[in-house]
Amino acid sequence: MKTAFLKTRLLKTSLSLCFAWVVLSSSACIAGTVLNGSFEGDYTDWSTLGIATIETPRFGVDPNPARPFDGVKQALIRTADGVVGDDTVANLASFLKIPVSEINANGRDAIRGSGVTQVVTNINVGDKLSFNWNFLTSQTASLTFNDFAVLSISRAGGTQSAMFLADTSTAATPFAFSGSFFSRQSRDPNLLSPTPPPTTFTFTEAGDYTIGFGVFNATDSSFPSGLLIDNISLTAVPEPTALAGLGLVGLALTLRRRRKEG
């Protein structure tokens, strides 16, 4: 009787410890979260520099409107067509927390632009950032006047990079905007259903990050370009401690079932 009692007590204690382990480990896994990733709350939880607006499904006119990827709102950052409103590359590099050399990598020649950022904490190795975007421009395709857009990733003391998204050479689909800002877009309107798959970025270092998006005029500012952003989310990869805890719970439940069957 005493042995059976001790086994039961030990089993209950093991289950309690395993449950606590899983709860604590799992809470660490889901700590990294992008807030207001579809901009339904406008720019709440985001910081902006330059020209940043919120657009609806009626952005643009038929037959090629640029509808949101998720919800009824989307973010638009754009250059200013030579009018004051966007900002210098040096200021944007500081805002995005990446070097100017990263913005101008591979021969790019940014002069002005706009950006949006958010600080995301407790990101783990293997976590994935996903988002949908659409590059817009009125600049003709040119190696000299090659406006472009980037994703910026910055961890203090670690990764500080700009992931190229698009430039004027990738924008070919006709796009008519009622305000005459843009004439072309990179997103094919024929792919509105189903929605094109999101772009992803996998983190290789754990820590707190500033994630951002920037759009830039290159060489001159005679023609505007813009970047629509929507449906931003972070998918956490379970930590080994959480997986181990789940394994212990499974083992404890198996032992309990065997005991009942015996």
C-alpha atoms as a PDB file:
ATOM      1  CA  MET A   1       0.000   0.000   0.000  1.00  0.00           C
ATOM      2  CA  LYS A   2       2.782   2.398   0.985  1.00  0.00           C
ATOM      3  CA  THR A   3       4.660   1.715  -2.266  1.00  0.00           C
ATOM      4  CA  ALA A   4       1.540   2.298  -4.358  1.00  0.00           C
ATOM      5  CA  PHE A   5       0.848   5.530  -2.470  1.00  0.00           C
ATOM      6  CA  LEU A   6       4.385   6.799  -3.080  1.00  0.00           C
ATOM      7  CA  LYS A   7       4.165   5.955  -6.796  1.00  0.00           C
ATOM      8  CA  THR A   8       0.883   7.855  -7.085  1.00  0.00           C
ATOM      9  CA  ARG A   9       2.305  10.840  -5.230  1.00  0.00           C
ATOM     10  CA  LEU A  10       5.423  10.829  -7.406  1.00  0.00           C
ATOM     11  CA  LEU A  11       3.337  10.657 -10.573  1.00  0.00           C
ATOM     12  CA  LYS A  12       1.180  13.615  -9.525  1.00  0.00           C
ATOM     13  CA  THR A  13       4.264  15.661  -8.639  1.00  0.00           C
ATOM     14  CA  SER A  14       5.874  14.849 -11.995  1.00  0.00           C
ATOM     15  CA  LEU A  15       2.740  15.902 -13.857  1.00  0.00           C
ATOM     16  CA  SER A  16       2.592  19.192 -11.942  1.00  0.00           C
ATOM     17  CA  LEU A  17       6.244  19.968 -12.614  1.00  0.00           C
ATOM     18  CA  CYS A  18       5.930  19.089 -16.293  1.00  0.00           C
ATOM     19  CA  PHE A  19       2.854  21.275 -16.660  1.00  0.00           C
ATOM     20  CA  ALA A  20       4.614  24.222 -15.032  1.00  0.00           C
ATOM     21  CA  TRP A  21       7.675  23.646 -17.241  1.00  0.00           C
ATOM     22  CA  VAL A  22       5.600  23.682 -20.416  1.00  0.00           C
ATOM     23  CA  VAL A  23       3.678  26.797 -19.382  1.00  0.00           C
ATOM     24  CA  LEU A  24       6.849  28.728 -18.545  1.00  0.00           C
ATOM     25  CA  SER A  25       8.715  27.588 -21.662  1.00  0.00           C
ATOM     26  CA  SER A  26       5.796  28.206 -23.986  1.00  0.00           C
ATOM     27  CA  SER A  27       5.304  31.717 -22.650  1.00  0.00           C
ATOM     28  CA  ALA A  28       8.864  32.515 -23.719  1.00  0.00           C
ATOM     29  CA  CYS A  29       8.175  31.155 -27.201  1.00  0.00           C
ATOM     30  CA  ILE A  30       5.231  33.444 -27.886  1.00  0.00           C
ATOM     31  CA  ALA A  31       6.729  36.600 -26.376  1.00  0.00           C
ATOM     32  CA  GLY A  32       7.809  38.007 -29.738  1.00  0.00           C
ATOM     33  CA  THR A  33       4.722  39.567 -31.346  1.00  0.00           C
ATOM     34  CA  VAL A  34       4.135  42.115 -34.101  1.00  0.00           C
ATOM     35  CA  LEU A  35       1.378  44.471 -32.946  1.00  0.00           C
ATOM     36  CA  ASN A  36      -1.228  45.896 -35.346  1.00  0.00           C
ATOM     37  CA  GLY A  37       0.375  43.992 -38.224  1.00  0.00           C
ATOM     38  CA  SER A  38      -2.499  44.675 -40.620  1.00  0.00           C
ATOM     39  CA  PHE A  39      -2.751  48.382 -39.744  1.00  0.00           C
ATOM     40  CA  GLU A  40      -6.424  48.117 -38.862  1.00  0.00           C
ATOM     41  CA  GLY A  41      -5.536  50.466 -35.985  1.00  0.00           C
ATOM     42  CA  ASP A  42      -3.829  52.864 -38.439  1.00  0.00           C
ATOM     43  CA  TYR A  43      -0.229  53.483 -37.242  1.00  0.00           C
ATOM     44  CA  THR A  44      -0.800  52.520 -33.614  1.00  0.00           C
ATOM     45  CA  ASP A  45       2.327  50.640 -32.341  1.00  0.00           C
ATOM     46  CA  TRP A  46       4.333  51.846 -35.351  1.00  0.00           C
ATOM     47  CA  SER A  47       6.733  54.757 -35.872  1.00  0.00           C
ATOM     48  CA  THR A  48       6.925  56.588 -39.205  1.00  0.00           C
ATOM     49  CA  LEU A  49       9.337  58.968 -40.916  1.00  0.00           C
ATOM     50  CA  GLY A  50       8.520  60.809 -44.127  1.00  0.00           C
ATOM     51  CA  ILE A  51       5.189  60.304 -45.873  1.00  0.00           C
ATOM     52  CA  ALA A  52       3.022  57.521 -44.412  1.00  0.00           C
ATOM     53  CA  THR A  53      -0.712  57.118 -44.962  1.00  0.00           C
ATOM     54  CA  ILE A  54      -3.356  54.442 -44.396  1.00  0.00           C
ATOM     55  CA  GLU A  55      -5.171  53.226 -47.503  1.00  0.00           C
ATOM     56  CA  THR A  56      -8.401  51.257 -47.984  1.00  0.00           C
ATOM     57  CA  PRO A  57      -9.644  48.740 -50.601  1.00  0.00           C
ATOM     58  CA  ARG A  58     -10.494  51.698 -52.824  1.00  0.00           C
ATOM     59  CA  PHE A  59      -6.851  52.713 -53.219  1.00  0.00           C
ATOM     60  CA  GLY A  60      -6.500  53.013 -56.964  1.00  0.00           C
ATOM     61  CA  VAL A  61      -9.259  52.599 -59.505  1.00  0.00           C
ATOM     62  CA  ASP A  62     -10.591  49.655 -61.475  1.00  0.00           C
ATOM     63  CA  PRO A  63      -9.531  47.538 -63.197  1.00  0.00           C
ATOM     64  CA  ASN A  64      -6.296  47.435 -61.183  1.00  0.00           C
ATOM     65  CA  PRO A  65      -6.875  48.671 -57.618  1.00  0.00           C
ATOM     66  CA  ALA A  66      -4.319  47.784 -54.969  1.00  0.00           C
ATOM     67  CA  ARG A  67      -6.511  46.149 -52.344  1.00  0.00           C
ATOM     68  CA  PRO A  68      -5.328  45.229 -48.818  1.00  0.00           C
ATOM     69  CA  PHE A  69      -4.016  41.709 -48.260  1.00  0.00           C
ATOM     70  CA  ASP A  70      -5.739  41.429 -44.865  1.00  0.00           C
ATOM     71  CA  GLY A  71      -8.624  43.402 -43.379  1.00  0.00           C
ATOM     72  CA  VAL A  72      -9.734  46.712 -44.872  1.00  0.00           C
ATOM     73  CA  LYS A  73      -6.611  48.838 -44.299  1.00  0.00           C
ATOM     74  CA  GLN A  74      -2.997  48.814 -45.427  1.00  0.00           C
ATOM     75  CA  ALA A  75       0.039  51.045 -44.881  1.00  0.00           C
ATOM     76  CA  LEU A  76       1.503  53.177 -47.660  1.00  0.00           C
ATOM     77  CA  ILE A  77       4.914  54.838 -47.433  1.00  0.00           C
ATOM     78  CA  ARG A  78       6.003  56.890 -50.437  1.00  0.00           C
ATOM     79  CA  THR A  79       8.481  59.353 -51.842  1.00  0.00           C
ATOM     80  CA  ALA A  80       7.452  62.933 -52.467  1.00  0.00           C
ATOM     81  CA  ASP A  81       7.803  63.606 -56.195  1.00  0.00           C
ATOM     82  CA  GLY A  82      10.258  66.424 -55.471  1.00  0.00           C
ATOM     83  CA  VAL A  83       7.939  68.007 -52.890  1.00  0.00           C
ATOM     84  CA  VAL A  84       8.998  68.390 -49.248  1.00  0.00           C
ATOM     85  CA  GLY A  85       7.593  65.560 -47.134  1.00  0.00           C
ATOM     86  CA  ASP A  86       9.910  62.570 -47.374  1.00  0.00           C
ATOM     87  CA  ASP A  87      13.320  62.524 -45.645  1.00  0.00           C
ATOM     88  CA  THR A  88      17.041  62.130 -46.282  1.00  0.00           C
ATOM     89  CA  VAL A  89      18.742  58.757 -46.580  1.00  0.00           C
ATOM     90  CA  ALA A  90      20.954  59.532 -43.574  1.00  0.00           C
ATOM     91  CA  ASN A  91      17.922  60.229 -41.375  1.00  0.00           C
ATOM     92  CA  LEU A  92      16.128  57.130 -42.656  1.00  0.00           C
ATOM     93  CA  ALA A  93      19.166  54.936 -42.019  1.00  0.00           C
ATOM     94  CA  SER A  94      19.226  56.181 -38.421  1.00  0.00           C
ATOM     95  CA  PHE A  95      15.461  55.658 -38.136  1.00  0.00           C
ATOM     96  CA  LEU A  96      15.614  52.123 -39.552  1.00  0.00           C
ATOM     97  CA  LYS A  97      18.754  51.457 -37.463  1.00  0.00           C
ATOM     98  CA  ILE A  98      20.806  50.170 -40.386  1.00  0.00           C
ATOM     99  CA  PRO A  99      23.864  51.632 -42.154  1.00  0.00           C
ATOM    100  CA  VAL A 100      23.443  53.795 -45.251  1.00  0.00           C
ATOM    101  CA  SER A 101      25.686  51.252 -46.997  1.00  0.00           C
ATOM    102  CA  GLU A 102      22.999  48.582 -46.479  1.00  0.00           C
ATOM    103  CA  ILE A 103      20.345  50.786 -48.061  1.00  0.00           C
ATOM    104  CA  ASN A 104      22.627  51.494 -51.015  1.00  0.00           C
ATOM    105  CA  ALA A 105      23.997  47.963 -51.387  1.00  0.00           C
ATOM    106  CA  ASN A 106      24.599  46.537 -54.866  1.00  0.00           C
ATOM    107  CA  GLY A 107      25.007  49.921 -56.496  1.00  0.00           C
ATOM    108  CA  ARG A 108      21.722  51.484 -55.377  1.00  0.00           C
ATOM    109  CA  ASP A 109      21.790  55.287 -55.094  1.00  0.00           C
ATOM    110  CA  ALA A 110      19.034  56.419 -52.717  1.00  0.00           C
ATOM    111  CA  ILE A 111      18.598  60.128 -52.109  1.00  0.00           C
ATOM    112  CA  ARG A 112      15.311  60.476 -50.186  1.00  0.00           C
ATOM    113  CA  GLY A 113      12.465  58.299 -48.948  1.00  0.00           C
ATOM    114  CA  SER A 114      10.060  57.268 -46.196  1.00  0.00           C
ATOM    115  CA  GLY A 115       9.905  54.477 -43.634  1.00  0.00           C
ATOM    116  CA  VAL A 116       7.949  52.699 -40.913  1.00  0.00           C
ATOM    117  CA  THR A 117       9.310  50.693 -37.952  1.00  0.00           C
ATOM    118  CA  GLN A 118       8.292  48.668 -34.897  1.00  0.00           C
ATOM    119  CA  VAL A 119      10.389  47.223 -32.049  1.00  0.00           C
ATOM    120  CA  VAL A 120       9.682  43.509 -31.454  1.00  0.00           C
ATOM    121  CA  THR A 121      11.114  41.927 -28.303  1.00  0.00           C
ATOM    122  CA  ASN A 122      12.144  38.386 -27.352  1.00  0.00           C
ATOM    123  CA  ILE A 123      12.628  37.010 -30.845  1.00  0.00           C
ATOM    124  CA  ASN A 124      14.182  33.523 -30.903  1.00  0.00           C
ATOM    125  CA  VAL A 125      16.421  31.814 -33.449  1.00  0.00           C
ATOM    126  CA  GLY A 126      14.218  30.299 -36.149  1.00  0.00           C
ATOM    127  CA  ASP A 127      11.267  32.666 -35.674  1.00  0.00           C
ATOM    128  CA  LYS A 128       9.777  33.770 -39.000  1.00  0.00           C
ATOM    129  CA  LEU A 129       8.568  37.223 -39.988  1.00  0.00           C
ATOM    130  CA  SER A 130       6.001  37.200 -42.790  1.00  0.00           C
ATOM    131  CA  PHE A 131       4.343  40.071 -44.645  1.00  0.00           C
ATOM    132  CA  ASN A 132       2.668  41.077 -47.896  1.00  0.00           C
ATOM    133  CA  TRP A 133       3.747  44.087 -49.927  1.00  0.00           C
ATOM    134  CA  ASN A 134       3.276  45.859 -53.238  1.00  0.00           C
ATOM    135  CA  PHE A 135       5.792  48.256 -54.813  1.00  0.00           C
ATOM    136  CA  LEU A 136       4.282  51.184 -56.744  1.00  0.00           C
ATOM    137  CA  THR A 137       6.032  53.688 -58.982  1.00  0.00           C
ATOM    138  CA  SER A 138       5.639  56.292 -61.709  1.00  0.00           C
ATOM    139  CA  GLN A 139       9.342  56.055 -62.569  1.00  0.00           C
ATOM    140  CA  THR A 140      10.126  54.263 -65.813  1.00  0.00           C
ATOM    141  CA  ALA A 141      12.391  51.234 -65.597  1.00  0.00           C
ATOM    142  CA  SER A 142      15.968  52.500 -65.546  1.00  0.00           C
ATOM    143  CA  LEU A 143      19.319  51.385 -64.177  1.00  0.00           C
ATOM    144  CA  THR A 144      20.083  55.021 -63.296  1.00  0.00           C
ATOM    145  CA  PHE A 145      16.770  56.152 -61.798  1.00  0.00           C
ATOM    146  CA  ASN A 146      15.992  52.845 -60.116  1.00  0.00           C
ATOM    147  CA  ASP A 147      13.685  53.634 -57.159  1.00  0.00           C
ATOM    148  CA  PHE A 148      13.418  50.715 -54.718  1.00  0.00           C
ATOM    149  CA  ALA A 149      12.007  49.326 -51.462  1.00  0.00           C
ATOM    150  CA  VAL A 150      13.563  47.262 -48.652  1.00  0.00           C
ATOM    151  CA  LEU A 151      12.778  45.389 -45.447  1.00  0.00           C
ATOM    152  CA  SER A 152      15.125  46.481 -42.645  1.00  0.00           C
ATOM    153  CA  ILE A 153      16.178  44.165 -39.814  1.00  0.00           C
ATOM    154  CA  SER A 154      18.210  45.509 -36.912  1.00  0.00           C
ATOM    155  CA  ARG A 155      19.396  43.917 -33.651  1.00  0.00           C
ATOM    156  CA  ALA A 156      21.691  45.956 -31.431  1.00  0.00           C
ATOM    157  CA  GLY A 157      25.135  44.379 -31.667  1.00  0.00           C
ATOM    158  CA  GLY A 158      23.954  41.889 -34.287  1.00  0.00           C
ATOM    159  CA  THR A 159      22.140  41.783 -37.620  1.00  0.00           C
ATOM    160  CA  GLN A 160      21.721  45.155 -39.334  1.00  0.00           C
ATOM    161  CA  SER A 161      20.641  44.566 -42.895  1.00  0.00           C
ATOM    162  CA  ALA A 162      18.310  45.675 -45.669  1.00  0.00           C
ATOM    163  CA  MET A 163      16.500  42.933 -47.581  1.00  0.00           C
ATOM    164  CA  PHE A 164      15.753  44.091 -51.139  1.00  0.00           C
ATOM    165  CA  LEU A 165      12.067  43.821 -52.097  1.00  0.00           C
ATOM    166  CA  ALA A 166      11.564  45.539 -55.468  1.00  0.00           C
ATOM    167  CA  ASP A 167      12.641  48.344 -57.775  1.00  0.00           C
ATOM    168  CA  THR A 168      11.334  50.057 -60.869  1.00  0.00           C
ATOM    169  CA  SER A 169      12.436  47.167 -63.080  1.00  0.00           C
ATOM    170  CA  THR A 170      10.058  44.790 -61.246  1.00  0.00           C
ATOM    171  CA  ALA A 171       6.996  47.037 -61.546  1.00  0.00           C
ATOM    172  CA  ALA A 172       5.281  46.258 -64.833  1.00  0.00           C
ATOM    173  CA  THR A 173       1.559  45.844 -64.176  1.00  0.00           C
ATOM    174  CA  PRO A 174      -0.535  48.911 -65.150  1.00  0.00           C
ATOM    175  CA  PHE A 175      -1.932  50.739 -62.142  1.00  0.00           C
ATOM    176  CA  ALA A 176      -4.150  53.807 -62.200  1.00  0.00           C
ATOM    177  CA  PHE A 177      -4.353  55.855 -59.010  1.00  0.00           C
ATOM    178  CA  SER A 178      -6.975  58.589 -58.814  1.00  0.00           C
ATOM    179  CA  GLY A 179      -4.431  61.002 -57.312  1.00  0.00           C
ATOM    180  CA  SER A 180      -1.977  60.369 -60.172  1.00  0.00           C
ATOM    181  CA  PHE A 181       0.830  59.259 -57.832  1.00  0.00           C
ATOM    182  CA  PHE A 182       1.671  55.947 -59.495  1.00  0.00           C
ATOM    183  CA  SER A 183       1.378  54.336 -62.902  1.00  0.00           C
ATOM    184  CA  ARG A 184       2.737  50.827 -62.227  1.00  0.00           C
ATOM    185  CA  GLN A 185       2.795  48.199 -59.481  1.00  0.00           C
ATOM    186  CA  SER A 186       4.724  44.983 -58.811  1.00  0.00           C
ATOM    187  CA  ARG A 187       1.702  42.985 -57.649  1.00  0.00           C
ATOM    188  CA  ASP A 188      -0.326  41.279 -60.359  1.00  0.00           C
ATOM    189  CA  PRO A 189      -4.017  42.148 -59.797  1.00  0.00           C
ATOM    190  CA  ASN A 190      -4.938  38.816 -61.384  1.00  0.00           C
ATOM    191  CA  LEU A 191      -3.459  37.171 -58.266  1.00  0.00           C
ATOM    192  CA  LEU A 192      -5.904  38.867 -55.908  1.00  0.00           C
ATOM    193  CA  SER A 193      -7.655  35.520 -55.480  1.00  0.00           C
ATOM    194  CA  PRO A 194      -5.995  33.559 -54.097  1.00  0.00           C
ATOM    195  CA  THR A 195      -3.817  36.071 -52.264  1.00  0.00           C
ATOM    196  CA  PRO A 196      -0.128  35.822 -53.241  1.00  0.00           C
ATOM    197  CA  PRO A 197       1.946  34.092 -50.554  1.00  0.00           C
ATOM    198  CA  PRO A 198       3.690  36.401 -48.091  1.00  0.00           C
ATOM    199  CA  THR A 199       7.387  37.153 -48.116  1.00  0.00           C
ATOM    200  CA  THR A 200       9.258  35.651 -45.133  1.00  0.00           C
ATOM    201  CA  PHE A 201      12.421  36.370 -43.172  1.00  0.00           C
ATOM    202  CA  THR A 202      13.938  33.854 -40.717  1.00  0.00           C
ATOM    203  CA  PHE A 203      15.835  35.201 -37.705  1.00  0.00           C
ATOM    204  CA  THR A 204      19.242  33.647 -37.033  1.00  0.00           C
ATOM    205  CA  GLU A 205      19.980  35.533 -33.802  1.00  0.00           C
ATOM    206  CA  ALA A 206      17.845  35.831 -30.670  1.00  0.00           C
ATOM    207  CA  GLY A 207      17.103  39.233 -29.169  1.00  0.00           C
ATOM    208  CA  ASP A 208      15.095  42.424 -29.482  1.00  0.00           C
ATOM    209  CA  TYR A 209      14.739  43.784 -33.014  1.00  0.00           C
ATOM    210  CA  THR A 210      13.673  46.874 -34.882  1.00  0.00           C
ATOM    211  CA  ILE A 211      11.876  45.741 -38.023  1.00  0.00           C
ATOM    212  CA  GLY A 212      11.067  48.283 -40.696  1.00  0.00           C
ATOM    213  CA  PHE A 213      10.253  49.054 -44.294  1.00  0.00           C
ATOM    214  CA  GLY A 214      11.696  51.794 -46.476  1.00  0.00           C
ATOM    215  CA  VAL A 215      11.014  53.140 -49.968  1.00  0.00           C
ATOM    216  CA  PHE A 216      13.503  55.388 -51.771  1.00  0.00           C
ATOM    217  CA  ASN A 217      13.961  57.602 -54.783  1.00  0.00           C
ATOM    218  CA  ALA A 218      17.240  56.796 -56.534  1.00  0.00           C
ATOM    219  CA  THR A 219      19.415  59.438 -58.198  1.00  0.00           C
ATOM    220  CA  ASP A 220      16.551  61.936 -58.645  1.00  0.00           C
ATOM    221  CA  SER A 221      13.179  62.749 -57.084  1.00  0.00           C
ATOM    222  CA  SER A 222      11.233  63.653 -60.198  1.00  0.00           C
ATOM    223  CA  PHE A 223       8.887  60.672 -60.007  1.00  0.00           C
ATOM    224  CA  PRO A 224       7.326  59.157 -56.860  1.00  0.00           C
ATOM    225  CA  SER A 225       7.462  55.554 -55.716  1.00  0.00           C
ATOM    226  CA  GLY A 226       5.636  53.850 -52.856  1.00  0.00           C
ATOM    227  CA  LEU A 227       5.352  50.646 -50.851  1.00  0.00           C
ATOM    228  CA  LEU A 228       2.096  49.142 -49.618  1.00  0.00           C
ATOM    229  CA  ILE A 229       2.565  46.876 -46.564  1.00  0.00           C
ATOM    230  CA  ASP A 230       0.048  44.579 -44.885  1.00  0.00           C
ATOM    231  CA  ASN A 231      -0.517  41.305 -43.027  1.00  0.00           C
ATOM    232  CA  ILE A 232       2.713  41.390 -40.977  1.00  0.00           C
ATOM    233  CA  SER A 233       3.103  38.606 -38.395  1.00  0.00           C
ATOM    234  CA  LEU A 234       5.728  36.694 -36.447  1.00  0.00           C
ATOM    235  CA  THR A 235       5.626  32.899 -36.159  1.00  0.00           C
ATOM    236  CA  ALA A 236       7.518  31.621 -33.135  1.00  0.00           C
ATOM    237  CA  VAL A 237       9.460  28.353 -33.266  1.00  0.00           C
ATOM    238  CA  PRO A 238       9.062  26.303 -30.023  1.00  0.00           C
ATOM    239  CA  GLU A 239      12.174  26.291 -27.846  1.00  0.00           C
ATOM    240  CA  PRO A 240      13.864  22.949 -27.023  1.00  0.00           C
ATOM    241  CA  THR A 241      12.855  23.342 -23.353  1.00  0.00           C
ATOM    242  CA  ALA A 242       9.215  23.543 -24.310  1.00  0.00           C
ATOM    243  CA  LEU A 243       9.489  20.483 -26.527  1.00  0.00           C
ATOM    244  CA  ALA A 244      11.284  18.591 -23.756  1.00  0.00           C
ATOM    245  CA  GLY A 245       8.557  19.556 -21.328  1.00  0.00           C
ATOM    246  CA  LEU A 246       5.908  18.252 -23.683  1.00  0.00           C
ATOM    247  CA  GLY A 247       7.836  15.003 -23.977  1.00  0.00           C
ATOM    248  CA  LEU A 248       7.945  14.590 -20.194  1.00  0.00           C
ATOM    249  CA  VAL A 249       4.222  15.223 -19.940  1.00  0.00           C
ATOM    250  CA  GLY A 250       3.613  12.579 -22.581  1.00  0.00           C
ATOM    251  CA  LEU A 251       5.828  10.125 -20.693  1.00  0.00           C
ATOM    252  CA  ALA A 252       4.067  10.811 -17.418  1.00  0.00           C
ATOM    253  CA  LEU A 253       0.639  10.330 -19.014  1.00  0.00           C
ATOM    254  CA  THR A 254       1.809   7.062 -20.572  1.00  0.00           C
ATOM    255  CA  LEU A 255       3.021   5.770 -17.206  1.00  0.00           C
ATOM    256  CA  ARG A 256      -0.258   6.747 -15.631  1.00  0.00           C
ATOM    257  CA  ARG A 257      -2.260   4.934 -18.302  1.00  0.00           C
ATOM    258  CA  ARG A 258      -0.138   1.797 -17.913  1.00  0.00           C
ATOM    259  CA  ARG A 259      -0.615   1.900 -14.165  1.00  0.00           C
ATOM    260  CA  LYS A 260      -4.387   2.025 -14.571  1.00  0.00           C
ATOM    261  CA  GLU A 261      -4.312  -0.798 -17.094  1.00  0.00           C
ATOM    262  CA  GLY A 262      -2.131  -2.875 -14.762  1.00  0.00           C
END
